[in-house]
Full PDB file with SEQRES, HELIX, SHEET, SSBOND, CRYST1, ORIGX, SCALE, CONECT and MASTER records, all heavy atoms in Angstrom:
SEQRES   1 A   38  ALA PHE GLN TYR LEU LEU LYS PRO LEU LYS GLU ALA ALA          
SEQRES   2 A   38  VAL CYS GLN VAL MET GLU ASP LEU PHE LEU TYR LEU GLU          
SEQRES   3 A   38  LYS PRO LYS ALA GLU VAL LEU ASP PHE GLN THR SER              
HELIX    1 AA1 GLU A   11  LEU A   25  1                                  15    
CRYST1    1.000    1.000    1.000  90.00  90.00  90.00 P 1           1          
ORIGX1      1.000000  0.000000  0.000000        0.00000                         
ORIGX2      0.000000  1.000000  0.000000        0.00000                         
ORIGX3      0.000000  0.000000  1.000000        0.00000                         
SCALE1      1.000000  0.000000  0.000000        0.00000                         
SCALE2      0.000000  1.000000  0.000000        0.00000                         
SCALE3      0.000000  0.000000  1.000000        0.00000                         
ATOM      1  N   ALA A   1       0.379   9.003  -4.681  1.00  0.00           N  
ATOM      2  CA  ALA A   1      -0.801   8.507  -3.989  1.00  0.00           C  
ATOM      3  C   ALA A   1      -0.613   7.058  -3.660  1.00  0.00           C  
ATOM      4  O   ALA A   1      -0.008   6.292  -4.385  1.00  0.00           O  
ATOM      5  CB  ALA A   1      -2.017   8.682  -4.915  1.00  0.00           C  
ATOM      6  N   PHE A   2      -1.152   6.676  -2.496  1.00  0.00           N  
ATOM      7  CA  PHE A   2      -1.069   5.283  -2.076  1.00  0.00           C  
ATOM      8  C   PHE A   2      -2.053   4.450  -2.825  1.00  0.00           C  
ATOM      9  O   PHE A   2      -1.816   3.286  -3.136  1.00  0.00           O  
ATOM     10  CB  PHE A   2      -1.394   5.196  -0.576  1.00  0.00           C  
ATOM     11  CG  PHE A   2      -1.308   3.815  -0.015  1.00  0.00           C  
ATOM     12  CD1 PHE A   2      -0.080   3.227   0.285  1.00  0.00           C  
ATOM     13  CD2 PHE A   2      -2.493   3.095   0.228  1.00  0.00           C  
ATOM     14  CE1 PHE A   2      -0.022   1.920   0.798  1.00  0.00           C  
ATOM     15  CE2 PHE A   2      -2.432   1.830   0.752  1.00  0.00           C  
ATOM     16  CZ  PHE A   2      -1.217   1.232   1.041  1.00  0.00           C  
ATOM     17  N   GLN A   3      -3.253   5.038  -3.134  1.00  0.00           N  
ATOM     18  CA  GLN A   3      -4.255   4.307  -3.861  1.00  0.00           C  
ATOM     19  C   GLN A   3      -5.262   5.298  -4.435  1.00  0.00           C  
ATOM     20  O   GLN A   3      -5.295   6.473  -4.053  1.00  0.00           O  
ATOM     21  CB  GLN A   3      -4.973   3.396  -2.858  1.00  0.00           C  
ATOM     22  CG  GLN A   3      -5.964   2.382  -3.473  1.00  0.00           C  
ATOM     23  CD  GLN A   3      -5.296   1.561  -4.558  1.00  0.00           C  
ATOM     24  OE1 GLN A   3      -5.128   2.015  -5.702  1.00  0.00           O  
ATOM     25  NE2 GLN A   3      -4.900   0.340  -4.210  1.00  0.00           N  
ATOM     26  N   TYR A   4      -6.096   4.818  -5.363  1.00  0.00           N  
ATOM     27  CA  TYR A   4      -7.161   5.594  -5.970  1.00  0.00           C  
ATOM     28  C   TYR A   4      -8.446   4.790  -5.806  1.00  0.00           C  
ATOM     29  O   TYR A   4      -8.514   3.596  -5.988  1.00  0.00           O  
ATOM     30  CB  TYR A   4      -6.903   5.781  -7.432  1.00  0.00           C  
ATOM     31  CG  TYR A   4      -5.596   6.545  -7.785  1.00  0.00           C  
ATOM     32  CD1 TYR A   4      -4.471   5.854  -7.947  1.00  0.00           C  
ATOM     33  CD2 TYR A   4      -5.594   7.925  -7.898  1.00  0.00           C  
ATOM     34  CE1 TYR A   4      -3.273   6.507  -8.293  1.00  0.00           C  
ATOM     35  CE2 TYR A   4      -4.423   8.600  -8.203  1.00  0.00           C  
ATOM     36  CZ  TYR A   4      -3.269   7.863  -8.383  1.00  0.00           C  
ATOM     37  OH  TYR A   4      -2.077   8.462  -8.672  1.00  0.00           O  
ATOM     38  N   LEU A   5      -9.545   5.521  -5.451  1.00  0.00           N  
ATOM     39  CA  LEU A   5     -10.848   4.910  -5.309  1.00  0.00           C  
ATOM     40  C   LEU A   5     -11.858   5.725  -6.176  1.00  0.00           C  
ATOM     41  O   LEU A   5     -11.819   6.925  -6.244  1.00  0.00           O  
ATOM     42  CB  LEU A   5     -11.323   4.948  -3.867  1.00  0.00           C  
ATOM     43  CG  LEU A   5     -10.557   4.027  -2.902  1.00  0.00           C  
ATOM     44  CD1 LEU A   5     -11.108   4.215  -1.453  1.00  0.00           C  
ATOM     45  CD2 LEU A   5     -10.676   2.551  -3.329  1.00  0.00           C  
ATOM     46  N   LEU A   6     -12.776   5.002  -6.762  1.00  0.00           N  
ATOM     47  CA  LEU A   6     -13.831   5.620  -7.562  1.00  0.00           C  
ATOM     48  C   LEU A   6     -15.111   5.845  -6.767  1.00  0.00           C  
ATOM     49  O   LEU A   6     -15.514   4.959  -5.981  1.00  0.00           O  
ATOM     50  CB  LEU A   6     -14.110   4.741  -8.810  1.00  0.00           C  
ATOM     51  CG  LEU A   6     -13.073   4.696  -9.895  1.00  0.00           C  
ATOM     52  CD1 LEU A   6     -13.437   3.658 -10.948  1.00  0.00           C  
ATOM     53  CD2 LEU A   6     -12.920   6.069 -10.533  1.00  0.00           C  
ATOM     54  N   LYS A   7     -15.680   6.962  -6.907  1.00  0.00           N  
ATOM     55  CA  LYS A   7     -16.979   7.291  -6.320  1.00  0.00           C  
ATOM     56  C   LYS A   7     -18.103   6.667  -7.147  1.00  0.00           C  
ATOM     57  O   LYS A   7     -17.953   6.549  -8.359  1.00  0.00           O  
ATOM     58  CB  LYS A   7     -17.190   8.807  -6.246  1.00  0.00           C  
ATOM     59  CG  LYS A   7     -16.431   9.505  -5.103  1.00  0.00           C  
ATOM     60  CD  LYS A   7     -16.874  10.978  -5.010  1.00  0.00           C  
ATOM     61  CE  LYS A   7     -16.369  11.618  -3.730  1.00  0.00           C  
ATOM     62  NZ  LYS A   7     -16.816  12.996  -3.610  1.00  0.00           N  
ATOM     63  N   PRO A   8     -19.240   6.322  -6.566  1.00  0.00           N  
ATOM     64  CA  PRO A   8     -19.480   6.340  -5.097  1.00  0.00           C  
ATOM     65  C   PRO A   8     -18.679   5.232  -4.381  1.00  0.00           C  
ATOM     66  O   PRO A   8     -18.582   4.125  -4.934  1.00  0.00           O  
ATOM     67  CB  PRO A   8     -20.961   6.097  -4.964  1.00  0.00           C  
ATOM     68  CG  PRO A   8     -21.295   5.333  -6.258  1.00  0.00           C  
ATOM     69  CD  PRO A   8     -20.403   5.870  -7.281  1.00  0.00           C  
ATOM     70  N   LEU A   9     -18.127   5.567  -3.262  1.00  0.00           N  
ATOM     71  CA  LEU A   9     -17.292   4.546  -2.561  1.00  0.00           C  
ATOM     72  C   LEU A   9     -18.147   3.380  -2.074  1.00  0.00           C  
ATOM     73  O   LEU A   9     -19.246   3.527  -1.557  1.00  0.00           O  
ATOM     74  CB  LEU A   9     -16.588   5.221  -1.344  1.00  0.00           C  
ATOM     75  CG  LEU A   9     -15.583   6.276  -1.657  1.00  0.00           C  
ATOM     76  CD1 LEU A   9     -14.858   6.695  -0.392  1.00  0.00           C  
ATOM     77  CD2 LEU A   9     -14.595   5.829  -2.687  1.00  0.00           C  
ATOM     78  N   LYS A  10     -17.554   2.192  -2.158  1.00  0.00           N  
ATOM     79  CA  LYS A  10     -18.197   0.990  -1.669  1.00  0.00           C  
ATOM     80  C   LYS A  10     -17.405   0.578  -0.424  1.00  0.00           C  
ATOM     81  O   LYS A  10     -16.213   0.660  -0.334  1.00  0.00           O  
ATOM     82  CB  LYS A  10     -18.162  -0.075  -2.744  1.00  0.00           C  
ATOM     83  CG  LYS A  10     -18.998   0.238  -3.973  1.00  0.00           C  
ATOM     84  CD  LYS A  10     -18.944  -0.872  -4.998  1.00  0.00           C  
ATOM     85  CE  LYS A  10     -19.796  -0.517  -6.215  1.00  0.00           C  
ATOM     86  NZ  LYS A  10     -19.732  -1.635  -7.230  1.00  0.00           N  
ATOM     87  N   GLU A  11     -18.157   0.049   0.539  1.00  0.00           N  
ATOM     88  CA  GLU A  11     -17.547  -0.332   1.799  1.00  0.00           C  
ATOM     89  C   GLU A  11     -16.440  -1.381   1.623  1.00  0.00           C  
ATOM     90  O   GLU A  11     -15.405  -1.302   2.236  1.00  0.00           O  
ATOM     91  CB  GLU A  11     -18.624  -0.892   2.712  1.00  0.00           C  
ATOM     92  CG  GLU A  11     -18.054  -1.154   4.125  1.00  0.00           C  
ATOM     93  CD  GLU A  11     -19.168  -1.570   5.114  1.00  0.00           C  
ATOM     94  OE1 GLU A  11     -20.320  -1.173   4.866  1.00  0.00           O  
ATOM     95  OE2 GLU A  11     -18.855  -2.215   6.116  1.00  0.00           O  
ATOM     96  N   ALA A  12     -16.676  -2.318   0.673  1.00  0.00           N  
ATOM     97  CA  ALA A  12     -15.660  -3.328   0.453  1.00  0.00           C  
ATOM     98  C   ALA A  12     -14.362  -2.750  -0.067  1.00  0.00           C  
ATOM     99  O   ALA A  12     -13.260  -3.182   0.298  1.00  0.00           O  
ATOM    100  CB  ALA A  12     -16.198  -4.373  -0.546  1.00  0.00           C  
ATOM    101  N   ALA A  13     -14.454  -1.728  -0.929  1.00  0.00           N  
ATOM    102  CA  ALA A  13     -13.277  -1.071  -1.497  1.00  0.00           C  
ATOM    103  C   ALA A  13     -12.523  -0.309  -0.397  1.00  0.00           C  
ATOM    104  O   ALA A  13     -11.277  -0.329  -0.369  1.00  0.00           O  
ATOM    105  CB  ALA A  13     -13.639  -0.136  -2.625  1.00  0.00           C  
ATOM    106  N   VAL A  14     -13.250   0.362   0.477  1.00  0.00           N  
ATOM    107  CA  VAL A  14     -12.635   1.121   1.557  1.00  0.00           C  
ATOM    108  C   VAL A  14     -11.975   0.131   2.504  1.00  0.00           C  
ATOM    109  O   VAL A  14     -10.811   0.379   2.956  1.00  0.00           O  
ATOM    110  CB  VAL A  14     -13.664   1.986   2.304  1.00  0.00           C  
ATOM    111  CG1 VAL A  14     -13.060   2.586   3.560  1.00  0.00           C  
ATOM    112  CG2 VAL A  14     -14.168   3.104   1.390  1.00  0.00           C  
ATOM    113  N   CYS A  15     -12.579  -0.950   2.804  1.00  0.00           N  
ATOM    114  CA  CYS A  15     -12.030  -1.942   3.722  1.00  0.00           C  
ATOM    115  C   CYS A  15     -10.733  -2.571   3.119  1.00  0.00           C  
ATOM    116  O   CYS A  15      -9.734  -2.771   3.848  1.00  0.00           O  
ATOM    117  CB  CYS A  15     -13.029  -3.033   3.990  1.00  0.00           C  
ATOM    118  SG  CYS A  15     -14.378  -2.526   5.076  1.00  0.00           S  
ATOM    119  N   GLN A  16     -10.743  -2.780   1.842  1.00  0.00           N  
ATOM    120  CA  GLN A  16      -9.552  -3.339   1.173  1.00  0.00           C  
ATOM    121  C   GLN A  16      -8.389  -2.340   1.254  1.00  0.00           C  
ATOM    122  O   GLN A  16      -7.260  -2.731   1.520  1.00  0.00           O  
ATOM    123  CB  GLN A  16      -9.832  -3.663  -0.303  1.00  0.00           C  
ATOM    124  CG  GLN A  16      -8.688  -4.332  -0.989  1.00  0.00           C  
ATOM    125  CD  GLN A  16      -8.259  -5.633  -0.355  1.00  0.00           C  
ATOM    126  OE1 GLN A  16      -9.090  -6.574  -0.253  1.00  0.00           O  
ATOM    127  NE2 GLN A  16      -7.036  -5.775   0.107  1.00  0.00           N  
ATOM    128  N   VAL A  17      -8.700  -1.047   1.028  1.00  0.00           N  
ATOM    129  CA  VAL A  17      -7.635  -0.026   1.174  1.00  0.00           C  
ATOM    130  C   VAL A  17      -7.085  -0.012   2.603  1.00  0.00           C  
ATOM    131  O   VAL A  17      -5.867   0.145   2.819  1.00  0.00           O  
ATOM    132  CB  VAL A  17      -8.164   1.367   0.744  1.00  0.00           C  
ATOM    133  CG1 VAL A  17      -7.165   2.426   1.134  1.00  0.00           C  
ATOM    134  CG2 VAL A  17      -8.372   1.381  -0.749  1.00  0.00           C  
ATOM    135  N   MET A  18      -7.997  -0.101   3.580  1.00  0.00           N  
ATOM    136  CA  MET A  18      -7.530  -0.091   4.946  1.00  0.00           C  
ATOM    137  C   MET A  18      -6.659  -1.293   5.267  1.00  0.00           C  
ATOM    138  O   MET A  18      -5.665  -1.191   5.969  1.00  0.00           O  
ATOM    139  CB  MET A  18      -8.754  -0.081   5.890  1.00  0.00           C  
ATOM    140  CG  MET A  18      -9.609   1.195   5.816  1.00  0.00           C  
ATOM    141  SD  MET A  18      -8.636   2.702   6.123  1.00  0.00           S  
ATOM    142  CE  MET A  18      -8.106   2.438   7.811  1.00  0.00           C  
ATOM    143  N   GLU A  19      -7.023  -2.447   4.727  1.00  0.00           N  
ATOM    144  CA  GLU A  19      -6.186  -3.643   4.844  1.00  0.00           C  
ATOM    145  C   GLU A  19      -4.822  -3.384   4.292  1.00  0.00           C  
ATOM    146  O   GLU A  19      -3.799  -3.694   4.907  1.00  0.00           O  
ATOM    147  CB  GLU A  19      -6.873  -4.842   4.170  1.00  0.00           C  
ATOM    148  CG  GLU A  19      -8.162  -5.298   4.751  1.00  0.00           C  
ATOM    149  CD  GLU A  19      -7.967  -6.169   6.017  1.00  0.00           C  
ATOM    150  OE1 GLU A  19      -6.803  -6.474   6.366  1.00  0.00           O  
ATOM    151  OE2 GLU A  19      -8.988  -6.562   6.617  1.00  0.00           O  
ATOM    152  N   ASP A  20      -4.790  -2.882   3.062  1.00  0.00           N  
ATOM    153  CA  ASP A  20      -3.508  -2.596   2.401  1.00  0.00           C  
ATOM    154  C   ASP A  20      -2.685  -1.613   3.173  1.00  0.00           C  
ATOM    155  O   ASP A  20      -1.471  -1.727   3.306  1.00  0.00           O  
ATOM    156  CB  ASP A  20      -3.757  -2.081   0.944  1.00  0.00           C  
ATOM    157  CG  ASP A  20      -4.331  -3.179   0.056  1.00  0.00           C  
ATOM    158  OD1 ASP A  20      -4.250  -4.344   0.376  1.00  0.00           O  
ATOM    159  OD2 ASP A  20      -4.857  -2.763  -1.013  1.00  0.00           O  
ATOM    160  N   LEU A  21      -3.361  -0.526   3.670  1.00  0.00           N  
ATOM    161  CA  LEU A  21      -2.694   0.483   4.393  1.00  0.00           C  
ATOM    162  C   LEU A  21      -2.024  -0.020   5.678  1.00  0.00           C  
ATOM    163  O   LEU A  21      -0.904   0.292   5.937  1.00  0.00           O  
ATOM    164  CB  LEU A  21      -3.681   1.623   4.723  1.00  0.00           C  
ATOM    165  CG  LEU A  21      -3.168   2.776   5.584  1.00  0.00           C  
ATOM    166  CD1 LEU A  21      -2.103   3.499   4.816  1.00  0.00           C  
ATOM    167  CD2 LEU A  21      -4.327   3.674   5.990  1.00  0.00           C  
ATOM    168  N   PHE A  22      -2.747  -0.795   6.463  1.00  0.00           N  
ATOM    169  CA  PHE A  22      -2.197  -1.316   7.688  1.00  0.00           C  
ATOM    170  C   PHE A  22      -1.100  -2.334   7.447  1.00  0.00           C  
ATOM    171  O   PHE A  22      -0.130  -2.414   8.202  1.00  0.00           O  
ATOM    172  CB  PHE A  22      -3.343  -1.874   8.560  1.00  0.00           C  
ATOM    173  CG  PHE A  22      -3.988  -0.843   9.381  1.00  0.00           C  
ATOM    174  CD1 PHE A  22      -4.756   0.177   8.838  1.00  0.00           C  
ATOM    175  CD2 PHE A  22      -3.791  -0.793  10.800  1.00  0.00           C  
ATOM    176  CE1 PHE A  22      -5.326   1.143   9.613  1.00  0.00           C  
ATOM    177  CE2 PHE A  22      -4.399   0.181  11.577  1.00  0.00           C  
ATOM    178  CZ  PHE A  22      -5.179   1.136  10.978  1.00  0.00           C  
ATOM    179  N   LEU A  23      -1.239  -3.118   6.381  1.00  0.00           N  
ATOM    180  CA  LEU A  23      -0.149  -4.036   6.050  1.00  0.00           C  
ATOM    181  C   LEU A  23       1.127  -3.241   5.740  1.00  0.00           C  
ATOM    182  O   LEU A  23       2.224  -3.601   6.097  1.00  0.00           O  
ATOM    183  CB  LEU A  23      -0.573  -4.903   4.846  1.00  0.00           C  
ATOM    184  CG  LEU A  23      -1.534  -6.071   5.158  1.00  0.00           C  
ATOM    185  CD1 LEU A  23      -1.955  -6.733   3.862  1.00  0.00           C  
ATOM    186  CD2 LEU A  23      -0.837  -7.079   6.080  1.00  0.00           C  
ATOM    187  N   TYR A  24       0.925  -2.123   5.000  1.00  0.00           N  
ATOM    188  CA  TYR A  24       2.059  -1.297   4.612  1.00  0.00           C  
ATOM    189  C   TYR A  24       2.674  -0.671   5.823  1.00  0.00           C  
ATOM    190  O   TYR A  24       3.903  -0.593   5.984  1.00  0.00           O  
ATOM    191  CB  TYR A  24       1.582  -0.249   3.622  1.00  0.00           C  
ATOM    192  CG  TYR A  24       2.711   0.661   3.154  1.00  0.00           C  
ATOM    193  CD1 TYR A  24       3.509   0.341   2.029  1.00  0.00           C  
ATOM    194  CD2 TYR A  24       3.033   1.831   3.823  1.00  0.00           C  
ATOM    195  CE1 TYR A  24       4.544   1.122   1.592  1.00  0.00           C  
ATOM    196  CE2 TYR A  24       4.099   2.661   3.407  1.00  0.00           C  
ATOM    197  CZ  TYR A  24       4.826   2.275   2.291  1.00  0.00           C  
ATOM    198  OH  TYR A  24       5.852   3.093   1.889  1.00  0.00           O  
ATOM    199  N   LEU A  25       1.861  -0.108   6.743  1.00  0.00           N  
ATOM    200  CA  LEU A  25       2.371   0.626   7.901  1.00  0.00           C  
ATOM    201  C   LEU A  25       3.075  -0.274   8.846  1.00  0.00           C  
ATOM    202  O   LEU A  25       3.971   0.166   9.600  1.00  0.00           O  
ATOM    203  CB  LEU A  25       1.209   1.354   8.619  1.00  0.00           C  
ATOM    204  CG  LEU A  25       0.550   2.467   7.901  1.00  0.00           C  
ATOM    205  CD1 LEU A  25      -0.665   2.996   8.695  1.00  0.00           C  
ATOM    206  CD2 LEU A  25       1.545   3.639   7.632  1.00  0.00           C  
ATOM    207  N   GLU A  26       2.732  -1.561   8.873  1.00  0.00           N  
ATOM    208  CA  GLU A  26       3.300  -2.482   9.843  1.00  0.00           C  
ATOM    209  C   GLU A  26       4.387  -3.394   9.322  1.00  0.00           C  
ATOM    210  O   GLU A  26       4.829  -4.310   9.954  1.00  0.00           O  
ATOM    211  CB  GLU A  26       2.133  -3.320  10.432  1.00  0.00           C  
ATOM    212  CG  GLU A  26       1.136  -2.505  11.219  1.00  0.00           C  
ATOM    213  CD  GLU A  26      -0.102  -3.312  11.625  1.00  0.00           C  
ATOM    214  OE1 GLU A  26      -0.051  -4.543  11.403  1.00  0.00           O  
ATOM    215  OE2 GLU A  26      -0.979  -2.705  12.216  1.00  0.00           O  
ATOM    216  N   LYS A  27       4.852  -3.069   8.095  1.00  0.00           N  
ATOM    217  CA  LYS A  27       5.984  -3.843   7.568  1.00  0.00           C  
ATOM    218  C   LYS A  27       6.990  -2.901   6.951  1.00  0.00           C  
ATOM    219  O   LYS A  27       6.712  -1.696   6.791  1.00  0.00           O  
ATOM    220  CB  LYS A  27       5.431  -4.813   6.463  1.00  0.00           C  
ATOM    221  CG  LYS A  27       4.896  -4.140   5.240  1.00  0.00           C  
ATOM    222  CD  LYS A  27       4.231  -5.104   4.266  1.00  0.00           C  
ATOM    223  CE  LYS A  27       5.189  -6.103   3.700  1.00  0.00           C  
ATOM    224  NZ  LYS A  27       4.542  -6.896   2.598  1.00  0.00           N  
ATOM    225  N   PRO A  28       8.176  -3.391   6.564  1.00  0.00           N  
ATOM    226  CA  PRO A  28       9.158  -2.510   5.943  1.00  0.00           C  
ATOM    227  C   PRO A  28       8.577  -1.709   4.758  1.00  0.00           C  
ATOM    228  O   PRO A  28       7.737  -2.208   4.015  1.00  0.00           O  
ATOM    229  CB  PRO A  28      10.256  -3.503   5.448  1.00  0.00           C  
ATOM    230  CG  PRO A  28      10.124  -4.642   6.419  1.00  0.00           C  
ATOM    231  CD  PRO A  28       8.673  -4.746   6.752  1.00  0.00           C  
ATOM    232  N   LYS A  29       8.998  -0.450   4.656  1.00  0.00           N  
ATOM    233  CA  LYS A  29       8.367   0.422   3.701  1.00  0.00           C  
ATOM    234  C   LYS A  29       8.584   0.071   2.253  1.00  0.00           C  
ATOM    235  O   LYS A  29       7.760   0.355   1.394  1.00  0.00           O  
ATOM    236  CB  LYS A  29       8.888   1.862   3.904  1.00  0.00           C  
ATOM    237  CG  LYS A  29       8.635   2.393   5.308  1.00  0.00           C  
ATOM    238  CD  LYS A  29       7.200   2.322   5.681  1.00  0.00           C  
ATOM    239  CE  LYS A  29       6.958   2.914   7.046  1.00  0.00           C  
ATOM    240  NZ  LYS A  29       5.600   2.738   7.545  1.00  0.00           N  
ATOM    241  N   ALA A  30       9.666  -0.555   1.904  1.00  0.00           N  
ATOM    242  CA  ALA A  30       9.899  -0.928   0.515  1.00  0.00           C  
ATOM    243  C   ALA A  30      10.916  -2.076   0.430  1.00  0.00           C  
ATOM    244  O   ALA A  30      11.642  -2.277   1.394  1.00  0.00           O  
ATOM    245  CB  ALA A  30      10.456   0.259  -0.275  1.00  0.00           C  
ATOM    246  N   GLU A  31      10.880  -2.803  -0.642  1.00  0.00           N  
ATOM    247  CA  GLU A  31      11.822  -3.849  -0.822  1.00  0.00           C  
ATOM    248  C   GLU A  31      13.238  -3.248  -0.881  1.00  0.00           C  
ATOM    249  O   GLU A  31      13.418  -2.235  -1.576  1.00  0.00           O  
ATOM    250  CB  GLU A  31      11.540  -4.606  -2.137  1.00  0.00           C  
ATOM    251  CG  GLU A  31      12.362  -5.823  -2.347  1.00  0.00           C  
ATOM    252  CD  GLU A  31      11.886  -6.982  -1.508  1.00  0.00           C  
ATOM    253  OE1 GLU A  31      10.764  -6.995  -1.019  1.00  0.00           O  
ATOM    254  OE2 GLU A  31      12.730  -7.900  -1.278  1.00  0.00           O  
ATOM    255  N   VAL A  32      14.164  -3.806  -0.224  1.00  0.00           N  
ATOM    256  CA  VAL A  32      15.539  -3.304  -0.248  1.00  0.00           C  
ATOM    257  C   VAL A  32      16.387  -4.272  -1.080  1.00  0.00           C  
ATOM    258  O   VAL A  32      16.459  -5.500  -0.828  1.00  0.00           O  
ATOM    259  CB  VAL A  32      16.125  -3.202   1.200  1.00  0.00           C  
ATOM    260  CG1 VAL A  32      17.571  -2.773   1.169  1.00  0.00           C  
ATOM    261  CG2 VAL A  32      15.304  -2.198   2.008  1.00  0.00           C  
ATOM    262  N   LEU A  33      17.090  -3.746  -2.041  1.00  0.00           N  
ATOM    263  CA  LEU A  33      17.942  -4.568  -2.946  1.00  0.00           C  
ATOM    264  C   LEU A  33      19.384  -4.110  -2.809  1.00  0.00           C  
ATOM    265  O   LEU A  33      19.658  -2.952  -2.491  1.00  0.00           O  
ATOM    266  CB  LEU A  33      17.469  -4.410  -4.422  1.00  0.00           C  
ATOM    267  CG  LEU A  33      16.055  -4.818  -4.724  1.00  0.00           C  
ATOM    268  CD1 LEU A  33      15.771  -4.612  -6.202  1.00  0.00           C  
ATOM    269  CD2 LEU A  33      15.809  -6.294  -4.329  1.00  0.00           C  
ATOM    270  N   ASP A  34      20.281  -5.030  -3.037  1.00  0.00           N  
ATOM    271  CA  ASP A  34      21.690  -4.699  -2.996  1.00  0.00           C  
ATOM    272  C   ASP A  34      22.268  -4.594  -4.420  1.00  0.00           C  
ATOM    273  O   ASP A  34      21.843  -5.228  -5.330  1.00  0.00           O  
ATOM    274  CB  ASP A  34      22.485  -5.801  -2.249  1.00  0.00           C  
ATOM    275  CG  ASP A  34      22.368  -7.138  -2.894  1.00  0.00           C  
ATOM    276  OD1 ASP A  34      21.337  -7.858  -2.642  1.00  0.00           O  
ATOM    277  OD2 ASP A  34      23.281  -7.555  -3.665  1.00  0.00           O  
ATOM    278  N   PHE A  35      23.207  -3.657  -4.534  1.00  0.00           N  
ATOM    279  CA  PHE A  35      23.841  -3.383  -5.828  1.00  0.00           C  
ATOM    280  C   PHE A  35      25.357  -3.346  -5.674  1.00  0.00           C  
ATOM    281  O   PHE A  35      25.890  -2.692  -4.738  1.00  0.00           O  
ATOM    282  CB  PHE A  35      23.344  -2.064  -6.431  1.00  0.00           C  
ATOM    283  CG  PHE A  35      21.890  -1.970  -6.637  1.00  0.00           C  
ATOM    284  CD1 PHE A  35      21.024  -1.553  -5.679  1.00  0.00           C  
ATOM    285  CD2 PHE A  35      21.351  -2.353  -7.872  1.00  0.00           C  
ATOM    286  CE1 PHE A  35      19.647  -1.502  -5.867  1.00  0.00           C  
ATOM    287  CE2 PHE A  35      20.004  -2.309  -8.128  1.00  0.00           C  
ATOM    288  CZ  PHE A  35      19.136  -1.891  -7.102  1.00  0.00           C  
ATOM    289  N   GLN A  36      26.051  -4.028  -6.503  1.00  0.00           N  
ATOM    290  CA  GLN A  36      27.532  -4.008  -6.503  1.00  0.00           C  
ATOM    291  C   GLN A  36      28.016  -2.827  -7.296  1.00  0.00           C  
ATOM    292  O   GLN A  36      28.026  -2.791  -8.534  1.00  0.00           O  
ATOM    293  CB  GLN A  36      28.122  -5.308  -7.126  1.00  0.00           C  
ATOM    294  CG  GLN A  36      29.588  -5.350  -7.105  1.00  0.00           C  
ATOM    295  CD  GLN A  36      30.215  -5.405  -5.720  1.00  0.00           C  
ATOM    296  OE1 GLN A  36      29.872  -6.293  -4.921  1.00  0.00           O  
ATOM    297  NE2 GLN A  36      31.047  -4.466  -5.405  1.00  0.00           N  
ATOM    298  N   THR A  37      28.364  -1.749  -6.631  1.00  0.00           N  
ATOM    299  CA  THR A  37      28.773  -0.497  -7.254  1.00  0.00           C  
ATOM    300  C   THR A  37      30.274  -0.345  -7.188  1.00  0.00           C  
ATOM    301  O   THR A  37      30.989  -1.134  -6.589  1.00  0.00           O  
ATOM    302  CB  THR A  37      28.124   0.684  -6.590  1.00  0.00           C  
ATOM    303  OG1 THR A  37      28.739   0.937  -5.334  1.00  0.00           O  
ATOM    304  CG2 THR A  37      26.625   0.468  -6.388  1.00  0.00           C  
ATOM    305  N   SER A  38      30.794   0.738  -7.768  1.00  0.00           N  
ATOM    306  CA  SER A  38      32.238   1.048  -7.775  1.00  0.00           C  
ATOM    307  C   SER A  38      32.693   1.391  -6.359  1.00  0.00           C  
ATOM    308  O   SER A  38      33.889   1.329  -6.042  1.00  0.00           O  
ATOM    309  CB  SER A  38      32.530   2.268  -8.670  1.00  0.00           C  
ATOM    310  OG  SER A  38      31.802   3.389  -8.334  1.00  0.00           O  
TER     311      SER A  38                                                      
MASTER        0    0    0    1    0    0    0    6  310    1    0    3          
END                                                                             
């Protein structure tokens, strides 16, 4: 799950999830790290 919300939903909580969601959709999906392997 991307997020969890408790009922009854509050507008501020939904707006915050939407902010987080759009930030996620518009940026690289995950931090990329380098590893020195064999």
